[in-house]
Amino acid sequence: MTTEPAAVERRAVERVVVGAFGALTGRRSAPLHFAMMDDTPVGVLGLAAGARGLRRLSYVKDEDGFVERLLAEYGDVPVLRSTGLDNVRRALDRYFSGRRLDFDLAVDLSDLPPFNRHVLEATARIPPGEVATYSDVASRAGSPRAQRAAGNALHDNPVAIVVPCHRVLRADGSLGGYGGGVPIKEWLLAHEGARPAAL
């Protein structure tokens, strides 16, 4: 089996960067790989994944801003541009084309506070075409009275679309807010066939 020269070169660059990062910081860390998707129906998306899975899927304006955010949030690991993340790209392409509206991707939420992680895990179980309320998600996360805290956890969702916080609505059926903007939330729900009264 032969290996593509480009792949060999990428691995060599990664080894150099990780080694230099370790020499400068005294820390040995697996890198965070990032890529951009600028051809989606909802605008530009920034993707970042580590060894344990997808850590960031964000609505962004440009690559520079996304990289600055990654460095601010994950400054304890080397951040590398990747030509990979193909599994994430393929899953998103299937989603946006309507061929598959759910995701089978490893997601790494390990750096979140436990309650936020529980809220996002509960949110990830909402099927496409269905919606839940902030109260529902808080209850599923084990804290029925913590709707406001659940809303905050959803607002801070680091993995939009894949962890479908757009499927969570207010108790009266209105959309509530969304990090990508309410028009994108409306588009995602309509794309999935969800028809809450507010739409």
N, C-alpha and C. Protein backbone atom coordinates (compact mmCIF):
# COMPACT_ATOMS: atom_id res chain seq x y z
N MET A 1 0.85 -1.19 0.00
CA MET A 1 0.00 0.00 0.00
C MET A 1 0.89 1.24 0.00
N THR A 2 0.64 2.15 -0.93
CA THR A 2 1.44 3.37 -1.02
C THR A 2 0.73 4.51 -0.31
N THR A 3 1.54 5.42 0.19
CA THR A 3 0.99 6.58 0.88
C THR A 3 1.21 7.81 0.01
N GLU A 4 0.18 8.64 -0.10
CA GLU A 4 0.28 9.86 -0.90
C GLU A 4 1.36 10.77 -0.33
N PRO A 5 2.18 11.38 -1.19
CA PRO A 5 3.21 12.31 -0.69
C PRO A 5 2.61 13.45 0.13
N ALA A 6 1.43 13.95 -0.27
CA ALA A 6 0.80 15.05 0.48
C ALA A 6 0.47 14.62 1.91
N ALA A 7 0.00 13.38 2.07
CA ALA A 7 -0.34 12.88 3.40
C ALA A 7 0.91 12.74 4.26
N VAL A 8 1.99 12.26 3.64
CA VAL A 8 3.26 12.13 4.36
C VAL A 8 3.75 13.51 4.79
N GLU A 9 3.64 14.47 3.89
CA GLU A 9 4.08 15.84 4.21
C GLU A 9 3.24 16.44 5.34
N ARG A 10 1.92 16.22 5.30
CA ARG A 10 1.04 16.73 6.37
C ARG A 10 1.43 16.16 7.73
N ARG A 11 1.68 14.85 7.76
CA ARG A 11 2.07 14.22 9.03
C ARG A 11 3.40 14.75 9.52
N ALA A 12 4.34 14.99 8.61
CA ALA A 12 5.64 15.53 8.99
C ALA A 12 5.49 16.94 9.56
N VAL A 13 4.67 17.76 8.91
CA VAL A 13 4.43 19.12 9.41
C VAL A 13 3.78 19.06 10.79
N GLU A 14 2.82 18.16 10.95
CA GLU A 14 2.16 18.02 12.24
C GLU A 14 3.16 17.64 13.33
N ARG A 15 4.05 16.70 13.04
CA ARG A 15 5.06 16.30 14.03
C ARG A 15 5.94 17.48 14.42
N VAL A 16 6.34 18.29 13.43
CA VAL A 16 7.19 19.45 13.71
C VAL A 16 6.45 20.45 14.58
N VAL A 17 5.19 20.75 14.22
CA VAL A 17 4.41 21.74 14.98
C VAL A 17 4.17 21.26 16.40
N VAL A 18 3.77 20.00 16.55
CA VAL A 18 3.51 19.46 17.89
C VAL A 18 4.81 19.45 18.71
N GLY A 19 5.92 19.10 18.08
CA GLY A 19 7.21 19.11 18.79
C GLY A 19 7.61 20.51 19.22
N ALA A 20 7.43 21.48 18.32
CA ALA A 20 7.76 22.87 18.66
C ALA A 20 6.86 23.39 19.76
N PHE A 21 5.57 23.06 19.69
CA PHE A 21 4.63 23.47 20.74
C PHE A 21 5.06 22.90 22.09
N GLY A 22 5.44 21.62 22.09
CA GLY A 22 5.89 20.98 23.33
C GLY A 22 7.16 21.62 23.86
N ALA A 23 8.09 21.96 22.97
CA ALA A 23 9.35 22.58 23.39
C ALA A 23 9.10 23.97 23.97
N LEU A 24 8.16 24.71 23.39
CA LEU A 24 7.88 26.07 23.86
C LEU A 24 7.07 26.11 25.15
N THR A 25 6.14 25.17 25.29
CA THR A 25 5.21 25.23 26.43
C THR A 25 5.50 24.19 27.51
N GLY A 26 6.27 23.18 27.17
CA GLY A 26 6.50 22.10 28.12
C GLY A 26 5.33 21.13 28.18
N ARG A 27 4.35 21.27 27.26
CA ARG A 27 3.17 20.39 27.25
C ARG A 27 3.15 19.58 25.97
N ARG A 28 2.85 18.32 26.11
CA ARG A 28 2.66 17.45 24.94
C ARG A 28 1.16 17.27 24.77
N SER A 29 0.62 17.75 23.68
CA SER A 29 -0.82 17.66 23.44
C SER A 29 -1.09 17.26 22.01
N ALA A 30 -2.13 16.46 21.84
CA ALA A 30 -2.58 16.15 20.48
C ALA A 30 -3.13 17.44 19.87
N PRO A 31 -2.91 17.66 18.59
CA PRO A 31 -3.36 18.92 17.99
C PRO A 31 -4.87 18.97 17.78
N LEU A 32 -5.36 20.18 17.63
CA LEU A 32 -6.73 20.45 17.23
C LEU A 32 -6.66 20.82 15.74
N HIS A 33 -7.35 20.07 14.92
CA HIS A 33 -7.35 20.32 13.48
C HIS A 33 -8.58 21.15 13.12
N PHE A 34 -8.40 22.13 12.26
CA PHE A 34 -9.56 22.93 11.85
C PHE A 34 -9.65 22.99 10.33
N ALA A 35 -10.87 23.24 9.86
CA ALA A 35 -11.14 23.42 8.43
C ALA A 35 -12.35 24.33 8.30
N MET A 36 -12.53 24.86 7.12
CA MET A 36 -13.64 25.76 6.84
C MET A 36 -14.55 25.12 5.79
N MET A 37 -15.85 25.38 5.91
CA MET A 37 -16.82 25.03 4.88
C MET A 37 -17.53 26.32 4.49
N ASP A 38 -17.29 26.77 3.28
CA ASP A 38 -17.89 28.05 2.88
C ASP A 38 -18.97 27.90 1.83
N ASP A 39 -19.41 26.67 1.60
CA ASP A 39 -20.38 26.42 0.54
C ASP A 39 -21.67 25.81 1.09
N THR A 40 -22.11 26.22 2.27
CA THR A 40 -23.30 25.63 2.86
C THR A 40 -24.49 26.59 2.71
N PRO A 41 -25.71 26.08 2.79
CA PRO A 41 -26.89 26.93 2.69
C PRO A 41 -27.05 27.89 3.87
N VAL A 42 -26.28 27.66 4.94
CA VAL A 42 -26.40 28.52 6.13
C VAL A 42 -25.16 29.38 6.33
N GLY A 43 -24.35 29.50 5.30
CA GLY A 43 -23.18 30.37 5.39
C GLY A 43 -21.91 29.60 5.68
N VAL A 44 -20.91 30.34 6.14
CA VAL A 44 -19.58 29.78 6.40
C VAL A 44 -19.57 29.08 7.75
N LEU A 45 -19.03 27.86 7.77
CA LEU A 45 -18.92 27.09 9.00
C LEU A 45 -17.45 26.83 9.29
N GLY A 46 -17.07 26.97 10.55
CA GLY A 46 -15.74 26.59 11.00
C GLY A 46 -15.83 25.27 11.74
N LEU A 47 -14.96 24.34 11.40
CA LEU A 47 -14.94 23.00 12.01
C LEU A 47 -13.63 22.80 12.74
N ALA A 48 -13.66 22.18 13.90
CA ALA A 48 -12.43 21.83 14.60
C ALA A 48 -12.64 20.51 15.32
N ALA A 49 -11.64 19.64 15.22
CA ALA A 49 -11.73 18.32 15.85
C ALA A 49 -10.40 17.95 16.47
N GLY A 50 -10.48 17.24 17.58
CA GLY A 50 -9.31 16.71 18.24
C GLY A 50 -9.33 15.20 18.14
N ALA A 51 -8.47 14.57 18.92
CA ALA A 51 -8.33 13.12 18.86
C ALA A 51 -9.61 12.39 19.26
N ARG A 52 -10.44 13.03 20.11
CA ARG A 52 -11.65 12.36 20.61
C ARG A 52 -12.92 12.74 19.87
N GLY A 53 -12.80 13.61 18.86
CA GLY A 53 -13.99 13.94 18.09
C GLY A 53 -14.13 15.42 17.81
N LEU A 54 -15.27 15.76 17.22
CA LEU A 54 -15.58 17.13 16.85
C LEU A 54 -15.74 17.99 18.09
N ARG A 55 -15.02 19.10 18.14
CA ARG A 55 -15.08 19.98 19.30
C ARG A 55 -15.73 21.32 18.99
N ARG A 56 -15.76 21.68 17.73
CA ARG A 56 -16.31 22.98 17.38
C ARG A 56 -16.92 22.91 15.98
N LEU A 57 -18.16 23.37 15.86
CA LEU A 57 -18.81 23.62 14.59
C LEU A 57 -19.54 24.93 14.78
N SER A 58 -19.01 25.98 14.18
CA SER A 58 -19.48 27.34 14.45
C SER A 58 -19.84 28.08 13.18
N TYR A 59 -20.83 28.95 13.30
CA TYR A 59 -21.12 29.92 12.25
C TYR A 59 -20.07 31.02 12.36
N VAL A 60 -19.36 31.29 11.28
CA VAL A 60 -18.26 32.26 11.34
C VAL A 60 -18.33 33.20 10.15
N LYS A 61 -17.62 34.32 10.28
CA LYS A 61 -17.52 35.26 9.16
C LYS A 61 -16.34 34.93 8.27
N ASP A 62 -15.22 34.55 8.90
CA ASP A 62 -14.02 34.25 8.11
C ASP A 62 -13.08 33.36 8.91
N GLU A 63 -12.08 32.86 8.23
CA GLU A 63 -11.14 31.94 8.85
C GLU A 63 -10.33 32.60 9.95
N ASP A 64 -9.89 33.83 9.73
CA ASP A 64 -9.05 34.51 10.74
C ASP A 64 -9.77 34.61 12.08
N GLY A 65 -11.03 35.03 12.04
CA GLY A 65 -11.80 35.15 13.28
C GLY A 65 -11.99 33.80 13.96
N PHE A 66 -12.21 32.77 13.15
CA PHE A 66 -12.39 31.43 13.71
C PHE A 66 -11.11 30.95 14.38
N VAL A 67 -9.98 31.15 13.72
CA VAL A 67 -8.70 30.72 14.30
C VAL A 67 -8.41 31.49 15.58
N GLU A 68 -8.68 32.79 15.60
CA GLU A 68 -8.48 33.57 16.83
C GLU A 68 -9.31 33.00 17.97
N ARG A 69 -10.54 32.63 17.66
CA ARG A 69 -11.41 32.06 18.69
C ARG A 69 -10.87 30.71 19.19
N LEU A 70 -10.41 29.87 18.25
CA LEU A 70 -9.84 28.58 18.65
C LEU A 70 -8.62 28.78 19.55
N LEU A 71 -7.74 29.69 19.16
CA LEU A 71 -6.54 29.93 19.96
C LEU A 71 -6.89 30.46 21.35
N ALA A 72 -7.93 31.30 21.42
CA ALA A 72 -8.34 31.83 22.73
C ALA A 72 -8.94 30.73 23.60
N GLU A 73 -9.70 29.83 23.00
CA GLU A 73 -10.38 28.79 23.79
C GLU A 73 -9.54 27.55 24.02
N TYR A 74 -8.67 27.23 23.07
CA TYR A 74 -7.90 25.99 23.14
C TYR A 74 -6.41 26.28 23.05
N GLY A 75 -5.97 27.32 23.71
CA GLY A 75 -4.57 27.73 23.64
C GLY A 75 -3.59 26.75 24.24
N ASP A 76 -4.12 25.73 24.94
CA ASP A 76 -3.23 24.75 25.55
C ASP A 76 -2.91 23.58 24.62
N VAL A 77 -3.38 23.66 23.36
CA VAL A 77 -3.05 22.63 22.37
C VAL A 77 -2.65 23.31 21.06
N PRO A 78 -1.81 22.66 20.26
CA PRO A 78 -1.49 23.23 18.95
C PRO A 78 -2.71 23.18 18.02
N VAL A 79 -2.90 24.24 17.26
CA VAL A 79 -4.03 24.34 16.33
C VAL A 79 -3.47 24.31 14.91
N LEU A 80 -3.93 23.34 14.11
CA LEU A 80 -3.41 23.14 12.76
C LEU A 80 -4.52 23.17 11.72
N ARG A 81 -4.26 23.86 10.62
CA ARG A 81 -5.20 23.82 9.49
C ARG A 81 -5.16 22.41 8.91
N SER A 82 -6.32 21.90 8.56
CA SER A 82 -6.40 20.53 8.07
C SER A 82 -7.06 20.49 6.71
N THR A 83 -6.55 19.64 5.86
CA THR A 83 -7.26 19.37 4.61
C THR A 83 -8.20 18.19 4.84
N GLY A 84 -8.18 17.67 6.05
CA GLY A 84 -9.01 16.52 6.39
C GLY A 84 -10.37 16.92 6.92
N LEU A 85 -10.77 16.29 7.99
CA LEU A 85 -12.11 16.41 8.55
C LEU A 85 -13.14 15.99 7.51
N ASP A 86 -12.72 15.07 6.63
CA ASP A 86 -13.59 14.65 5.54
C ASP A 86 -14.87 13.99 6.04
N ASN A 87 -14.79 13.25 7.15
CA ASN A 87 -15.99 12.60 7.66
C ASN A 87 -17.02 13.64 8.10
N VAL A 88 -16.56 14.74 8.68
CA VAL A 88 -17.48 15.80 9.10
C VAL A 88 -18.07 16.48 7.87
N ARG A 89 -17.23 16.78 6.91
CA ARG A 89 -17.70 17.42 5.67
C ARG A 89 -18.74 16.56 4.96
N ARG A 90 -18.46 15.26 4.86
CA ARG A 90 -19.41 14.36 4.18
C ARG A 90 -20.74 14.31 4.93
N ALA A 91 -20.67 14.24 6.26
CA ALA A 91 -21.90 14.19 7.06
C ALA A 91 -22.71 15.48 6.88
N LEU A 92 -22.04 16.61 6.85
CA LEU A 92 -22.74 17.88 6.64
C LEU A 92 -23.30 17.98 5.22
N ASP A 93 -22.56 17.51 4.25
CA ASP A 93 -23.07 17.50 2.87
C ASP A 93 -24.34 16.65 2.76
N ARG A 94 -24.32 15.47 3.41
CA ARG A 94 -25.53 14.61 3.40
C ARG A 94 -26.69 15.32 4.08
N TYR A 95 -26.38 16.00 5.19
CA TYR A 95 -27.43 16.72 5.92
C TYR A 95 -28.04 17.82 5.04
N PHE A 96 -27.20 18.67 4.48
CA PHE A 96 -27.71 19.81 3.72
C PHE A 96 -28.41 19.37 2.43
N SER A 97 -28.03 18.22 1.87
CA SER A 97 -28.70 17.73 0.67
C SER A 97 -30.00 17.01 1.02
N GLY A 98 -30.23 16.76 2.33
CA GLY A 98 -31.44 16.08 2.76
C GLY A 98 -31.36 14.57 2.70
N ARG A 99 -30.18 14.03 2.36
CA ARG A 99 -30.04 12.57 2.27
C ARG A 99 -30.02 11.91 3.64
N ARG A 100 -29.50 12.61 4.64
CA ARG A 100 -29.49 12.07 6.01
C ARG A 100 -29.50 13.24 6.97
N LEU A 101 -30.51 13.30 7.83
CA LEU A 101 -30.70 14.46 8.70
C LEU A 101 -30.18 14.24 10.12
N ASP A 102 -29.61 13.07 10.39
CA ASP A 102 -28.98 12.86 11.69
C ASP A 102 -27.49 12.64 11.48
N PHE A 103 -26.75 12.60 12.57
CA PHE A 103 -25.30 12.52 12.49
C PHE A 103 -24.78 11.35 13.31
N ASP A 104 -23.78 10.69 12.76
CA ASP A 104 -23.09 9.61 13.46
C ASP A 104 -21.62 10.01 13.55
N LEU A 105 -21.36 11.07 14.30
CA LEU A 105 -20.01 11.61 14.44
C LEU A 105 -19.61 11.59 15.90
N ALA A 106 -18.36 11.31 16.16
CA ALA A 106 -17.84 11.44 17.53
C ALA A 106 -17.77 12.93 17.86
N VAL A 107 -18.33 13.30 19.01
CA VAL A 107 -18.32 14.68 19.48
C VAL A 107 -17.66 14.70 20.85
N ASP A 108 -16.74 15.62 21.03
CA ASP A 108 -16.01 15.73 22.30
C ASP A 108 -16.50 16.94 23.07
N LEU A 109 -17.30 16.70 24.11
CA LEU A 109 -17.81 17.76 24.98
C LEU A 109 -17.14 17.72 26.35
N SER A 110 -16.01 17.04 26.44
CA SER A 110 -15.40 16.75 27.74
C SER A 110 -14.93 17.99 28.50
N ASP A 111 -14.70 19.10 27.81
CA ASP A 111 -14.20 20.29 28.52
C ASP A 111 -15.33 21.17 29.03
N LEU A 112 -16.59 20.76 28.84
CA LEU A 112 -17.72 21.55 29.32
C LEU A 112 -18.07 21.20 30.76
N PRO A 113 -18.70 22.14 31.48
CA PRO A 113 -19.20 21.80 32.82
C PRO A 113 -20.23 20.67 32.72
N PRO A 114 -20.35 19.85 33.76
CA PRO A 114 -21.24 18.67 33.69
C PRO A 114 -22.68 19.00 33.28
N PHE A 115 -23.27 20.06 33.85
CA PHE A 115 -24.66 20.36 33.49
C PHE A 115 -24.78 20.70 32.01
N ASN A 116 -23.89 21.52 31.50
CA ASN A 116 -23.92 21.87 30.08
C ASN A 116 -23.79 20.63 29.21
N ARG A 117 -22.88 19.74 29.61
CA ARG A 117 -22.68 18.50 28.85
C ARG A 117 -23.97 17.67 28.86
N HIS A 118 -24.63 17.57 30.02
CA HIS A 118 -25.87 16.79 30.10
C HIS A 118 -26.97 17.41 29.23
N VAL A 119 -27.04 18.74 29.22
CA VAL A 119 -28.04 19.42 28.38
C VAL A 119 -27.78 19.12 26.91
N LEU A 120 -26.52 19.21 26.50
CA LEU A 120 -26.21 18.98 25.09
C LEU A 120 -26.38 17.51 24.71
N GLU A 121 -26.08 16.61 25.62
CA GLU A 121 -26.30 15.19 25.35
C GLU A 121 -27.80 14.91 25.18
N ALA A 122 -28.63 15.55 26.03
CA ALA A 122 -30.08 15.40 25.90
C ALA A 122 -30.56 16.00 24.58
N THR A 123 -30.01 17.13 24.21
CA THR A 123 -30.39 17.79 22.96
C THR A 123 -30.01 16.94 21.76
N ALA A 124 -28.87 16.28 21.83
CA ALA A 124 -28.42 15.44 20.72
C ALA A 124 -29.37 14.28 20.45
N ARG A 125 -30.21 13.94 21.42
CA ARG A 125 -31.15 12.83 21.24
C ARG A 125 -32.49 13.27 20.66
N ILE A 126 -32.68 14.57 20.39
CA ILE A 126 -33.93 15.02 19.76
C ILE A 126 -33.86 14.65 18.28
N PRO A 127 -34.80 13.83 17.80
CA PRO A 127 -34.70 13.38 16.40
C PRO A 127 -35.00 14.50 15.41
N PRO A 128 -34.48 14.39 14.20
CA PRO A 128 -34.81 15.36 13.16
C PRO A 128 -36.31 15.39 12.93
N GLY A 129 -36.85 16.58 12.70
CA GLY A 129 -38.28 16.73 12.47
C GLY A 129 -39.08 16.93 13.75
N GLU A 130 -38.42 16.76 14.89
CA GLU A 130 -39.09 16.96 16.17
C GLU A 130 -38.45 18.14 16.90
N VAL A 131 -39.19 18.68 17.86
CA VAL A 131 -38.68 19.78 18.66
C VAL A 131 -38.95 19.47 20.13
N ALA A 132 -38.24 20.18 20.99
CA ALA A 132 -38.44 20.08 22.44
C ALA A 132 -38.41 21.50 22.99
N THR A 133 -38.79 21.65 24.25
CA THR A 133 -38.72 22.96 24.90
C THR A 133 -37.49 23.01 25.81
N TYR A 134 -37.15 24.21 26.23
CA TYR A 134 -36.04 24.37 27.17
C TYR A 134 -36.32 23.58 28.44
N SER A 135 -37.59 23.57 28.87
CA SER A 135 -37.97 22.81 30.06
C SER A 135 -37.77 21.31 29.84
N ASP A 136 -38.16 20.81 28.66
CA ASP A 136 -37.96 19.39 28.34
C ASP A 136 -36.48 19.01 28.46
N VAL A 137 -35.63 19.85 27.87
CA VAL A 137 -34.20 19.55 27.85
C VAL A 137 -33.63 19.61 29.25
N ALA A 138 -34.06 20.61 30.05
CA ALA A 138 -33.59 20.70 31.43
C ALA A 138 -33.99 19.44 32.21
N SER A 139 -35.22 18.98 32.01
CA SER A 139 -35.69 17.76 32.70
C SER A 139 -34.86 16.55 32.27
N ARG A 140 -34.62 16.43 30.98
CA ARG A 140 -33.83 15.29 30.48
C ARG A 140 -32.39 15.34 30.98
N ALA A 141 -31.92 16.56 31.30
CA ALA A 141 -30.56 16.71 31.83
C ALA A 141 -30.53 16.52 33.34
N GLY A 142 -31.69 16.25 33.95
CA GLY A 142 -31.75 15.96 35.38
C GLY A 142 -32.05 17.14 36.28
N SER A 143 -32.40 18.30 35.70
CA SER A 143 -32.70 19.50 36.50
C SER A 143 -33.93 20.19 35.95
N PRO A 144 -35.13 19.68 36.27
CA PRO A 144 -36.36 20.18 35.64
C PRO A 144 -36.61 21.68 35.80
N ARG A 145 -36.09 22.28 36.87
CA ARG A 145 -36.36 23.70 37.10
C ARG A 145 -35.30 24.62 36.50
N ALA A 146 -34.35 24.05 35.82
CA ALA A 146 -33.21 24.84 35.34
C ALA A 146 -33.34 25.21 33.86
N GLN A 147 -34.55 25.69 33.48
CA GLN A 147 -34.75 26.04 32.06
C GLN A 147 -33.81 27.15 31.61
N ARG A 148 -33.63 28.17 32.45
CA ARG A 148 -32.76 29.29 32.06
C ARG A 148 -31.31 28.81 31.90
N ALA A 149 -30.85 27.97 32.83
CA ALA A 149 -29.49 27.44 32.73
C ALA A 149 -29.35 26.54 31.49
N ALA A 150 -30.42 25.80 31.19
CA ALA A 150 -30.40 24.97 29.98
C ALA A 150 -30.30 25.87 28.75
N GLY A 151 -31.04 26.98 28.75
CA GLY A 151 -30.96 27.93 27.64
C GLY A 151 -29.55 28.48 27.47
N ASN A 152 -28.91 28.79 28.60
CA ASN A 152 -27.52 29.29 28.53
C ASN A 152 -26.57 28.23 27.97
N ALA A 153 -26.77 26.98 28.39
CA ALA A 153 -25.92 25.90 27.89
C ALA A 153 -26.12 25.72 26.38
N LEU A 154 -27.36 25.85 25.92
CA LEU A 154 -27.63 25.73 24.49
C LEU A 154 -27.05 26.91 23.73
N HIS A 155 -27.11 28.09 24.33
CA HIS A 155 -26.52 29.27 23.68
C HIS A 155 -25.02 29.09 23.48
N ASP A 156 -24.38 28.39 24.42
CA ASP A 156 -22.93 28.17 24.36
C ASP A 156 -22.55 26.86 23.66
N ASN A 157 -23.51 26.23 23.00
CA ASN A 157 -23.26 24.96 22.31
C ASN A 157 -22.07 25.11 21.35
N PRO A 158 -20.98 24.36 21.57
CA PRO A 158 -19.82 24.50 20.69
C PRO A 158 -19.96 23.74 19.36
N VAL A 159 -20.98 22.89 19.25
CA VAL A 159 -21.09 22.02 18.07
C VAL A 159 -22.48 22.19 17.46
N ALA A 160 -22.72 23.35 16.85
CA ALA A 160 -24.02 23.65 16.25
C ALA A 160 -24.36 22.60 15.19
N ILE A 161 -25.63 22.48 14.92
CA ILE A 161 -26.21 21.58 13.90
C ILE A 161 -26.06 20.12 14.31
N VAL A 162 -24.83 19.66 14.55
CA VAL A 162 -24.62 18.25 14.95
C VAL A 162 -25.25 17.99 16.31
N VAL A 163 -25.06 18.90 17.26
CA VAL A 163 -25.83 18.89 18.51
C VAL A 163 -26.93 19.91 18.27
N PRO A 164 -28.15 19.44 17.95
CA PRO A 164 -29.16 20.29 17.30
C PRO A 164 -29.92 21.21 18.25
N CYS A 165 -29.23 22.21 18.77
CA CYS A 165 -29.89 23.16 19.66
C CYS A 165 -30.98 23.95 18.93
N HIS A 166 -30.95 23.94 17.59
CA HIS A 166 -32.01 24.61 16.84
C HIS A 166 -33.36 23.91 17.01
N ARG A 167 -33.37 22.69 17.54
CA ARG A 167 -34.62 21.94 17.75
C ARG A 167 -35.26 22.26 19.09
N VAL A 168 -34.69 23.20 19.83
CA VAL A 168 -35.23 23.56 21.15
C VAL A 168 -35.93 24.90 21.05
N LEU A 169 -37.20 24.93 21.48
CA LEU A 169 -38.04 26.12 21.38
C LEU A 169 -38.52 26.55 22.76
N ARG A 170 -39.10 27.73 22.80
CA ARG A 170 -39.72 28.20 24.04
C ARG A 170 -41.00 27.41 24.30
N ALA A 171 -41.48 27.49 25.54
CA ALA A 171 -42.67 26.72 25.93
C ALA A 171 -43.89 27.10 25.11
N ASP A 172 -43.97 28.35 24.63
CA ASP A 172 -45.13 28.79 23.85
C ASP A 172 -45.01 28.43 22.37
N GLY A 173 -43.94 27.72 22.00
CA GLY A 173 -43.75 27.31 20.61
C GLY A 173 -42.99 28.31 19.77
N SER A 174 -42.67 29.48 20.35
CA SER A 174 -41.89 30.45 19.59
C SER A 174 -40.43 30.00 19.54
N LEU A 175 -39.71 30.53 18.58
CA LEU A 175 -38.38 30.01 18.29
C LEU A 175 -37.35 30.29 19.38
N GLY A 176 -37.42 31.43 20.03
CA GLY A 176 -36.34 31.81 20.95
C GLY A 176 -35.14 32.26 20.13
N GLY A 177 -34.01 32.34 20.76
CA GLY A 177 -32.81 32.80 20.08
C GLY A 177 -32.06 31.65 19.42
N TYR A 178 -30.99 32.04 18.72
CA TYR A 178 -30.11 31.04 18.10
C TYR A 178 -28.80 31.71 17.75
N GLY A 179 -27.70 31.03 18.05
CA GLY A 179 -26.38 31.60 17.82
C GLY A 179 -26.11 31.95 16.37
N GLY A 180 -26.69 31.21 15.44
CA GLY A 180 -26.50 31.50 14.02
C GLY A 180 -27.50 32.51 13.48
N GLY A 181 -28.44 32.93 14.34
CA GLY A 181 -29.49 33.85 13.92
C GLY A 181 -30.81 33.11 13.73
N VAL A 182 -31.90 33.77 14.05
CA VAL A 182 -33.22 33.14 13.96
C VAL A 182 -33.55 32.69 12.53
N PRO A 183 -33.20 33.45 11.47
CA PRO A 183 -33.50 32.94 10.12
C PRO A 183 -32.84 31.59 9.83
N ILE A 184 -31.64 31.38 10.35
CA ILE A 184 -30.99 30.07 10.13
C ILE A 184 -31.70 28.99 10.94
N LYS A 185 -32.13 29.32 12.14
CA LYS A 185 -32.89 28.35 12.95
C LYS A 185 -34.16 27.96 12.19
N GLU A 186 -34.86 28.94 11.63
CA GLU A 186 -36.07 28.66 10.86
C GLU A 186 -35.74 27.76 9.66
N TRP A 187 -34.64 28.07 8.97
CA TRP A 187 -34.27 27.28 7.80
C TRP A 187 -33.98 25.83 8.19
N LEU A 188 -33.21 25.63 9.26
CA LEU A 188 -32.85 24.28 9.69
C LEU A 188 -34.10 23.48 10.06
N LEU A 189 -35.01 24.09 10.80
CA LEU A 189 -36.23 23.39 11.19
C LEU A 189 -37.08 23.04 9.97
N ALA A 190 -37.21 23.97 9.05
CA ALA A 190 -37.98 23.69 7.83
C ALA A 190 -37.30 22.61 7.00
N HIS A 191 -35.98 22.66 6.91
CA HIS A 191 -35.21 21.65 6.17
C HIS A 191 -35.45 20.26 6.74
N GLU A 192 -35.60 20.18 8.06
CA GLU A 192 -35.80 18.88 8.72
C GLU A 192 -37.26 18.45 8.74
N GLY A 193 -38.15 19.32 8.30
CA GLY A 193 -39.57 18.98 8.28
C GLY A 193 -40.29 19.26 9.57
N ALA A 194 -39.65 20.00 10.48
CA ALA A 194 -40.32 20.40 11.72
C ALA A 194 -41.20 21.60 11.42
N ARG A 195 -42.41 21.59 11.89
CA ARG A 195 -43.33 22.68 11.61
C ARG A 195 -43.96 23.21 12.89
N PRO A 196 -43.15 23.81 13.77
CA PRO A 196 -43.75 24.40 14.96
C PRO A 196 -44.66 25.56 14.55
N ALA A 197 -45.60 25.89 15.43
CA ALA A 197 -46.61 26.92 15.15
C ALA A 197 -45.96 28.23 14.76
N ALA A 198 -44.80 28.55 15.35
CA ALA A 198 -44.15 29.84 15.11
C ALA A 198 -43.65 29.95 13.68
N LEU A 199 -43.47 28.83 12.98
CA LEU A 199 -43.00 28.90 11.60
C LEU A 199 -44.18 29.10 10.68
